[in-house]
Structures are given as C-alpha cells and as structure tokens.
Amino acid sequence: MNNLVDMARTENCAVTRSEVWNDAAIGINDETQTLFYVRGQEPAVIRTLVHLKDIKQSRVSVVSRTVERKSDSQKIIEKISLVLEHKSNARPDVILPFYDADSDGLSLAGELQLAEKWVRAIGR
C-alpha cells in the first residue's frame, strides 16, 4: 500500500479507493482518473501508472486450460489480468496481472471477482 501512496504523491494526488491482495495492490484517484498498480517485492517491484482518460476500454482476461480425466474434464485457470485498451491504437494495451498460477500458487482467492470489480470501478 505504501508504494501506491508514494506513486500518487508523485502525481500530486491521493489514492481514494484501493485493494491489496497476494503480492499486489491497485488504487485509483477518482478526481484525476489516475490508476496505480504495484506487484511484487523489492527489488523486483512492478509499478504501473495509467491515466484513465487515455483508456478506451477495460476488460478481464482469463487464460485457462482444460484437463481431461477418465470421467470428466476440469478447467484450470492459469492467469487473470485486467486489460486496459488505449484510445490510440499505436499504444499497446496495459496488462495488470491479478493472478498467475506460476507465482501465486494453484488456488484462487477471489482474484477473478476482484478484477471484475475493478473493471466496473474504471467504468470503461
């Protein structure tokens, strides 16, 4: 959370809504429409700042695979990300990971619902 606060300070604003989970945090300043995202531990911290006025659309991306068993099949979610699509096609999408089975373990703890909540919070 301290990383979010520090990022907001550099933009001369404050985090008005935020969420912390696993090794990540996301926050927004509603007035300036600035999104802050932090994931990881020092020294490998990923910090992302997004001006939402530049974003056309947000969506949740789920990467999964199906495992076939003798009697049925099971869907296994490998990654969940919040994808922010820029208004300008020249700029790449911003991908904010919410869950990665390789680093977060094999069991989900509400990350899909959390990503969907932030799509609604962003309002695009």
N, C-alpha and C. Protein backbone atom coordinates (compact mmCIF):
# COMPACT_ATOMS: atom_id res chain seq x y z
N MET A 1 0.83 -1.19 0.00
CA MET A 1 0.00 0.00 0.00
C MET A 1 0.87 1.26 0.00
N ASN A 2 2.01 1.20 0.67
CA ASN A 2 2.89 2.36 0.71
C ASN A 2 3.36 2.74 -0.69
N ASN A 3 3.60 1.74 -1.54
CA ASN A 3 4.01 2.03 -2.91
C ASN A 3 2.92 2.79 -3.67
N LEU A 4 1.65 2.44 -3.44
CA LEU A 4 0.55 3.17 -4.09
C LEU A 4 0.52 4.62 -3.63
N VAL A 5 0.66 4.81 -2.34
CA VAL A 5 0.64 6.16 -1.78
C VAL A 5 1.79 6.99 -2.34
N ASP A 6 2.97 6.39 -2.43
CA ASP A 6 4.13 7.09 -2.99
C ASP A 6 3.91 7.46 -4.45
N MET A 7 3.34 6.54 -5.22
CA MET A 7 3.07 6.82 -6.64
C MET A 7 2.08 7.98 -6.77
N ALA A 8 1.04 7.96 -5.96
CA ALA A 8 0.04 9.02 -6.00
C ALA A 8 0.66 10.37 -5.64
N ARG A 9 1.54 10.36 -4.66
CA ARG A 9 2.21 11.60 -4.25
C ARG A 9 3.00 12.21 -5.40
N THR A 10 3.67 11.37 -6.19
CA THR A 10 4.44 11.89 -7.32
C THR A 10 3.53 12.51 -8.38
N GLU A 11 2.25 12.14 -8.37
CA GLU A 11 1.28 12.72 -9.29
C GLU A 11 0.48 13.85 -8.63
N ASN A 12 0.90 14.25 -7.44
CA ASN A 12 0.22 15.31 -6.67
C ASN A 12 -1.25 14.99 -6.41
N CYS A 13 -1.51 13.74 -6.04
CA CYS A 13 -2.86 13.35 -5.69
C CYS A 13 -2.80 12.26 -4.62
N ALA A 14 -3.95 11.75 -4.23
CA ALA A 14 -4.04 10.70 -3.22
C ALA A 14 -4.85 9.54 -3.76
N VAL A 15 -4.63 8.37 -3.20
CA VAL A 15 -5.41 7.19 -3.57
C VAL A 15 -6.75 7.29 -2.85
N THR A 16 -7.86 7.29 -3.62
CA THR A 16 -9.17 7.42 -3.00
C THR A 16 -9.85 6.06 -2.80
N ARG A 17 -9.50 5.07 -3.61
CA ARG A 17 -10.00 3.70 -3.45
C ARG A 17 -8.85 2.75 -3.75
N SER A 18 -8.77 1.66 -2.98
CA SER A 18 -7.67 0.73 -3.22
C SER A 18 -8.03 -0.68 -2.77
N GLU A 19 -7.20 -1.62 -3.19
CA GLU A 19 -7.36 -3.02 -2.84
C GLU A 19 -5.97 -3.64 -2.78
N VAL A 20 -5.75 -4.50 -1.79
CA VAL A 20 -4.48 -5.19 -1.65
C VAL A 20 -4.77 -6.69 -1.60
N TRP A 21 -4.01 -7.48 -2.35
CA TRP A 21 -4.15 -8.94 -2.34
C TRP A 21 -2.81 -9.55 -2.69
N ASN A 22 -2.61 -10.80 -2.28
CA ASN A 22 -1.37 -11.53 -2.54
C ASN A 22 -0.16 -10.60 -2.47
N ASP A 23 0.50 -10.44 -3.59
CA ASP A 23 1.70 -9.61 -3.67
C ASP A 23 1.44 -8.36 -4.50
N ALA A 24 0.18 -7.88 -4.50
CA ALA A 24 -0.19 -6.79 -5.40
C ALA A 24 -1.14 -5.80 -4.71
N ALA A 25 -1.22 -4.62 -5.31
CA ALA A 25 -2.15 -3.59 -4.84
C ALA A 25 -2.57 -2.75 -6.04
N ILE A 26 -3.81 -2.28 -6.01
CA ILE A 26 -4.32 -1.39 -7.05
C ILE A 26 -5.08 -0.27 -6.37
N GLY A 27 -5.01 0.92 -6.94
CA GLY A 27 -5.71 2.05 -6.38
C GLY A 27 -6.05 3.05 -7.47
N ILE A 28 -6.95 3.94 -7.14
CA ILE A 28 -7.39 4.95 -8.10
C ILE A 28 -7.60 6.27 -7.38
N ASN A 29 -7.35 7.35 -8.10
CA ASN A 29 -7.76 8.66 -7.64
C ASN A 29 -8.93 9.04 -8.52
N ASP A 30 -10.11 9.12 -7.93
CA ASP A 30 -11.33 9.38 -8.70
C ASP A 30 -11.34 10.76 -9.35
N GLU A 31 -10.74 11.73 -8.70
CA GLU A 31 -10.76 13.10 -9.23
C GLU A 31 -9.88 13.23 -10.48
N THR A 32 -8.66 12.71 -10.41
CA THR A 32 -7.74 12.84 -11.54
C THR A 32 -7.86 11.68 -12.53
N GLN A 33 -8.67 10.66 -12.17
CA GLN A 33 -8.83 9.47 -13.00
C GLN A 33 -7.47 8.84 -13.32
N THR A 34 -6.68 8.65 -12.25
CA THR A 34 -5.37 8.02 -12.36
C THR A 34 -5.41 6.69 -11.62
N LEU A 35 -4.94 5.64 -12.29
CA LEU A 35 -4.90 4.30 -11.72
C LEU A 35 -3.47 3.95 -11.36
N PHE A 36 -3.29 3.37 -10.18
CA PHE A 36 -1.97 2.97 -9.70
C PHE A 36 -1.99 1.46 -9.46
N TYR A 37 -0.92 0.77 -9.86
CA TYR A 37 -0.83 -0.68 -9.70
C TYR A 37 0.59 -1.04 -9.28
N VAL A 38 0.70 -1.92 -8.30
CA VAL A 38 2.00 -2.38 -7.81
C VAL A 38 1.93 -3.89 -7.61
N ARG A 39 2.98 -4.59 -8.05
CA ARG A 39 3.04 -6.04 -7.84
C ARG A 39 4.48 -6.46 -7.59
N GLY A 40 4.68 -7.35 -6.63
CA GLY A 40 6.00 -7.90 -6.36
C GLY A 40 6.63 -7.32 -5.11
N GLN A 41 7.82 -7.81 -4.85
CA GLN A 41 8.60 -7.40 -3.69
C GLN A 41 9.89 -6.74 -4.17
N GLU A 42 10.44 -5.85 -3.34
CA GLU A 42 11.73 -5.24 -3.67
C GLU A 42 12.77 -6.34 -3.81
N PRO A 43 13.66 -6.29 -4.73
CA PRO A 43 13.92 -5.22 -5.68
C PRO A 43 13.17 -5.39 -7.01
N ALA A 44 12.30 -6.39 -7.10
CA ALA A 44 11.63 -6.67 -8.37
C ALA A 44 10.18 -6.19 -8.38
N VAL A 45 9.95 -4.99 -7.91
CA VAL A 45 8.59 -4.44 -7.87
C VAL A 45 8.22 -3.87 -9.23
N ILE A 46 7.00 -4.19 -9.67
CA ILE A 46 6.47 -3.62 -10.91
C ILE A 46 5.48 -2.53 -10.51
N ARG A 47 5.72 -1.32 -10.99
CA ARG A 47 4.83 -0.19 -10.71
C ARG A 47 4.27 0.31 -12.04
N THR A 48 2.95 0.47 -12.07
CA THR A 48 2.30 0.94 -13.29
C THR A 48 1.35 2.07 -12.94
N LEU A 49 1.42 3.14 -13.69
CA LEU A 49 0.54 4.29 -13.53
C LEU A 49 -0.20 4.47 -14.85
N VAL A 50 -1.52 4.60 -14.80
CA VAL A 50 -2.32 4.74 -16.01
C VAL A 50 -3.25 5.93 -15.85
N HIS A 51 -3.23 6.82 -16.84
CA HIS A 51 -4.19 7.93 -16.89
C HIS A 51 -5.42 7.41 -17.62
N LEU A 52 -6.51 7.24 -16.90
CA LEU A 52 -7.70 6.59 -17.46
C LEU A 52 -8.35 7.40 -18.58
N LYS A 53 -8.05 8.68 -18.68
CA LYS A 53 -8.59 9.48 -19.78
C LYS A 53 -8.05 8.97 -21.13
N ASP A 54 -6.92 8.24 -21.10
CA ASP A 54 -6.32 7.69 -22.32
C ASP A 54 -6.82 6.28 -22.64
N ILE A 55 -7.70 5.74 -21.79
CA ILE A 55 -8.16 4.36 -21.93
C ILE A 55 -9.55 4.33 -22.57
N LYS A 56 -9.66 3.50 -23.60
CA LYS A 56 -10.93 3.34 -24.30
C LYS A 56 -11.81 2.30 -23.62
N GLN A 57 -11.20 1.19 -23.20
CA GLN A 57 -11.97 0.07 -22.68
C GLN A 57 -11.14 -0.73 -21.69
N SER A 58 -11.82 -1.32 -20.71
CA SER A 58 -11.14 -2.24 -19.79
C SER A 58 -11.90 -3.56 -19.80
N ARG A 59 -11.17 -4.65 -19.58
CA ARG A 59 -11.80 -5.97 -19.55
C ARG A 59 -10.93 -6.91 -18.74
N VAL A 60 -11.53 -8.03 -18.37
CA VAL A 60 -10.81 -9.07 -17.65
C VAL A 60 -10.40 -10.13 -18.66
N SER A 61 -9.15 -10.55 -18.59
CA SER A 61 -8.63 -11.62 -19.43
C SER A 61 -8.36 -12.83 -18.55
N VAL A 62 -8.89 -13.99 -18.95
CA VAL A 62 -8.67 -15.23 -18.21
C VAL A 62 -8.01 -16.23 -19.15
N VAL A 63 -6.86 -16.74 -18.75
CA VAL A 63 -6.17 -17.78 -19.50
C VAL A 63 -6.35 -19.08 -18.72
N SER A 64 -6.91 -20.08 -19.40
CA SER A 64 -7.16 -21.35 -18.71
C SER A 64 -6.85 -22.51 -19.64
N ARG A 65 -6.81 -23.69 -19.06
CA ARG A 65 -6.64 -24.90 -19.85
C ARG A 65 -7.59 -25.95 -19.28
N THR A 66 -7.92 -26.92 -20.09
CA THR A 66 -8.81 -27.99 -19.66
C THR A 66 -8.01 -29.28 -19.53
N VAL A 67 -8.19 -29.91 -18.39
CA VAL A 67 -7.53 -31.19 -18.13
C VAL A 67 -8.57 -32.29 -18.26
N GLU A 68 -8.32 -33.22 -19.16
CA GLU A 68 -9.24 -34.34 -19.35
C GLU A 68 -8.91 -35.44 -18.35
N ARG A 69 -9.96 -35.92 -17.68
CA ARG A 69 -9.79 -37.04 -16.77
C ARG A 69 -10.66 -38.19 -17.26
N LYS A 70 -10.57 -39.33 -16.62
CA LYS A 70 -11.33 -40.51 -17.08
C LYS A 70 -12.83 -40.24 -17.16
N SER A 71 -13.38 -39.63 -16.13
CA SER A 71 -14.83 -39.46 -16.07
C SER A 71 -15.32 -38.07 -16.48
N ASP A 72 -14.44 -37.08 -16.48
CA ASP A 72 -14.86 -35.72 -16.82
C ASP A 72 -13.66 -34.87 -17.20
N SER A 73 -13.88 -33.58 -17.31
CA SER A 73 -12.78 -32.64 -17.57
C SER A 73 -12.85 -31.52 -16.56
N GLN A 74 -11.71 -30.90 -16.32
CA GLN A 74 -11.64 -29.82 -15.34
C GLN A 74 -10.93 -28.62 -15.96
N LYS A 75 -11.52 -27.45 -15.78
CA LYS A 75 -10.93 -26.21 -16.26
C LYS A 75 -10.01 -25.66 -15.17
N ILE A 76 -8.76 -25.37 -15.54
CA ILE A 76 -7.79 -24.82 -14.60
C ILE A 76 -7.40 -23.42 -15.07
N ILE A 77 -7.62 -22.44 -14.21
CA ILE A 77 -7.26 -21.06 -14.54
C ILE A 77 -5.78 -20.86 -14.26
N GLU A 78 -5.08 -20.38 -15.27
CA GLU A 78 -3.64 -20.14 -15.14
C GLU A 78 -3.30 -18.68 -14.89
N LYS A 79 -4.08 -17.76 -15.50
CA LYS A 79 -3.80 -16.32 -15.34
C LYS A 79 -5.10 -15.53 -15.39
N ILE A 80 -5.14 -14.47 -14.59
CA ILE A 80 -6.23 -13.49 -14.63
C ILE A 80 -5.57 -12.12 -14.68
N SER A 81 -5.97 -11.32 -15.65
CA SER A 81 -5.40 -9.98 -15.81
C SER A 81 -6.49 -8.97 -16.09
N LEU A 82 -6.22 -7.74 -15.69
CA LEU A 82 -7.04 -6.60 -16.07
C LEU A 82 -6.36 -5.98 -17.27
N VAL A 83 -7.08 -5.88 -18.39
CA VAL A 83 -6.51 -5.35 -19.63
C VAL A 83 -7.13 -3.99 -19.89
N LEU A 84 -6.27 -2.98 -20.08
CA LEU A 84 -6.71 -1.62 -20.37
C LEU A 84 -6.29 -1.28 -21.79
N GLU A 85 -7.28 -1.04 -22.63
CA GLU A 85 -7.03 -0.76 -24.05
C GLU A 85 -6.98 0.74 -24.29
N HIS A 86 -5.87 1.20 -24.85
CA HIS A 86 -5.68 2.64 -25.12
C HIS A 86 -6.60 3.12 -26.24
N LYS A 87 -6.96 4.39 -26.18
CA LYS A 87 -7.73 5.01 -27.26
C LYS A 87 -6.92 5.03 -28.54
N SER A 88 -5.62 5.22 -28.42
CA SER A 88 -4.72 5.23 -29.57
C SER A 88 -4.26 3.81 -29.87
N ASN A 89 -4.51 3.35 -31.09
CA ASN A 89 -4.08 2.01 -31.49
C ASN A 89 -2.55 1.89 -31.54
N ALA A 90 -1.86 3.01 -31.56
CA ALA A 90 -0.40 2.99 -31.62
C ALA A 90 0.21 2.59 -30.28
N ARG A 91 -0.56 2.69 -29.21
CA ARG A 91 -0.04 2.35 -27.88
C ARG A 91 -0.51 0.95 -27.50
N PRO A 92 0.36 0.16 -26.89
CA PRO A 92 -0.03 -1.22 -26.51
C PRO A 92 -0.99 -1.22 -25.33
N ASP A 93 -1.76 -2.31 -25.22
CA ASP A 93 -2.64 -2.49 -24.07
C ASP A 93 -1.80 -2.54 -22.79
N VAL A 94 -2.39 -2.08 -21.71
CA VAL A 94 -1.76 -2.20 -20.40
C VAL A 94 -2.35 -3.46 -19.77
N ILE A 95 -1.49 -4.39 -19.38
CA ILE A 95 -1.94 -5.65 -18.78
C ILE A 95 -1.48 -5.68 -17.33
N LEU A 96 -2.46 -5.75 -16.42
CA LEU A 96 -2.19 -5.76 -15.00
C LEU A 96 -2.56 -7.14 -14.44
N PRO A 97 -1.56 -7.96 -14.11
CA PRO A 97 -1.84 -9.31 -13.61
C PRO A 97 -2.51 -9.29 -12.23
N PHE A 98 -3.57 -10.06 -12.10
CA PHE A 98 -4.24 -10.23 -10.81
C PHE A 98 -3.96 -11.60 -10.22
N TYR A 99 -3.69 -12.58 -11.09
CA TYR A 99 -3.39 -13.94 -10.63
C TYR A 99 -2.52 -14.63 -11.68
N ASP A 100 -1.51 -15.33 -11.21
CA ASP A 100 -0.66 -16.14 -12.06
C ASP A 100 -0.34 -17.41 -11.29
N ALA A 101 -0.81 -18.55 -11.79
CA ALA A 101 -0.63 -19.83 -11.09
C ALA A 101 0.84 -20.12 -10.83
N ASP A 102 1.73 -19.67 -11.71
CA ASP A 102 3.16 -19.92 -11.52
C ASP A 102 3.73 -19.23 -10.29
N SER A 103 3.23 -18.05 -9.97
CA SER A 103 3.79 -17.31 -8.83
C SER A 103 2.85 -17.21 -7.63
N ASP A 104 1.54 -17.37 -7.85
CA ASP A 104 0.56 -17.19 -6.76
C ASP A 104 0.06 -18.50 -6.17
N GLY A 105 0.52 -19.64 -6.68
CA GLY A 105 0.01 -20.92 -6.19
C GLY A 105 -1.16 -21.38 -7.04
N LEU A 106 -1.68 -22.53 -6.73
CA LEU A 106 -2.70 -23.13 -7.59
C LEU A 106 -4.13 -22.80 -7.19
N SER A 107 -4.34 -22.20 -6.04
CA SER A 107 -5.73 -21.93 -5.65
C SER A 107 -6.04 -20.44 -5.73
N LEU A 108 -7.20 -20.17 -6.31
CA LEU A 108 -7.68 -18.79 -6.43
C LEU A 108 -8.27 -18.33 -5.10
N ALA A 109 -8.18 -17.05 -4.85
CA ALA A 109 -8.74 -16.48 -3.61
C ALA A 109 -9.52 -15.22 -3.94
N GLY A 110 -10.41 -15.30 -4.93
CA GLY A 110 -11.26 -14.17 -5.27
C GLY A 110 -10.67 -13.20 -6.28
N GLU A 111 -9.57 -13.58 -6.94
CA GLU A 111 -8.93 -12.66 -7.88
C GLU A 111 -9.81 -12.34 -9.10
N LEU A 112 -10.59 -13.31 -9.57
CA LEU A 112 -11.47 -13.06 -10.72
C LEU A 112 -12.52 -12.02 -10.35
N GLN A 113 -13.15 -12.17 -9.20
CA GLN A 113 -14.15 -11.21 -8.76
C GLN A 113 -13.53 -9.84 -8.52
N LEU A 114 -12.30 -9.83 -8.01
CA LEU A 114 -11.59 -8.58 -7.78
C LEU A 114 -11.31 -7.86 -9.10
N ALA A 115 -10.85 -8.58 -10.10
CA ALA A 115 -10.59 -7.98 -11.41
C ALA A 115 -11.89 -7.44 -12.02
N GLU A 116 -12.98 -8.19 -11.89
CA GLU A 116 -14.28 -7.73 -12.42
C GLU A 116 -14.75 -6.48 -11.68
N LYS A 117 -14.49 -6.42 -10.38
CA LYS A 117 -14.85 -5.23 -9.58
C LYS A 117 -14.10 -4.00 -10.10
N TRP A 118 -12.82 -4.16 -10.47
CA TRP A 118 -12.03 -3.02 -10.93
C TRP A 118 -12.40 -2.61 -12.35
N VAL A 119 -12.89 -3.54 -13.16
CA VAL A 119 -13.42 -3.14 -14.47
C VAL A 119 -14.60 -2.21 -14.26
N ARG A 120 -15.47 -2.55 -13.31
CA ARG A 120 -16.62 -1.69 -13.01
C ARG A 120 -16.16 -0.36 -12.42
N ALA A 121 -15.15 -0.39 -11.55
CA ALA A 121 -14.64 0.85 -10.93
C ALA A 121 -14.05 1.79 -11.96
N ILE A 122 -13.37 1.22 -12.95
CA ILE A 122 -12.77 2.03 -14.01
C ILE A 122 -13.85 2.63 -14.89
N GLY A 123 -14.93 1.87 -15.10
CA GLY A 123 -16.09 2.39 -15.83
C GLY A 123 -15.88 2.55 -17.32
N ARG A 124 -15.04 1.73 -17.89
CA ARG A 124 -14.82 1.78 -19.34
C ARG A 124 -14.88 0.40 -19.90
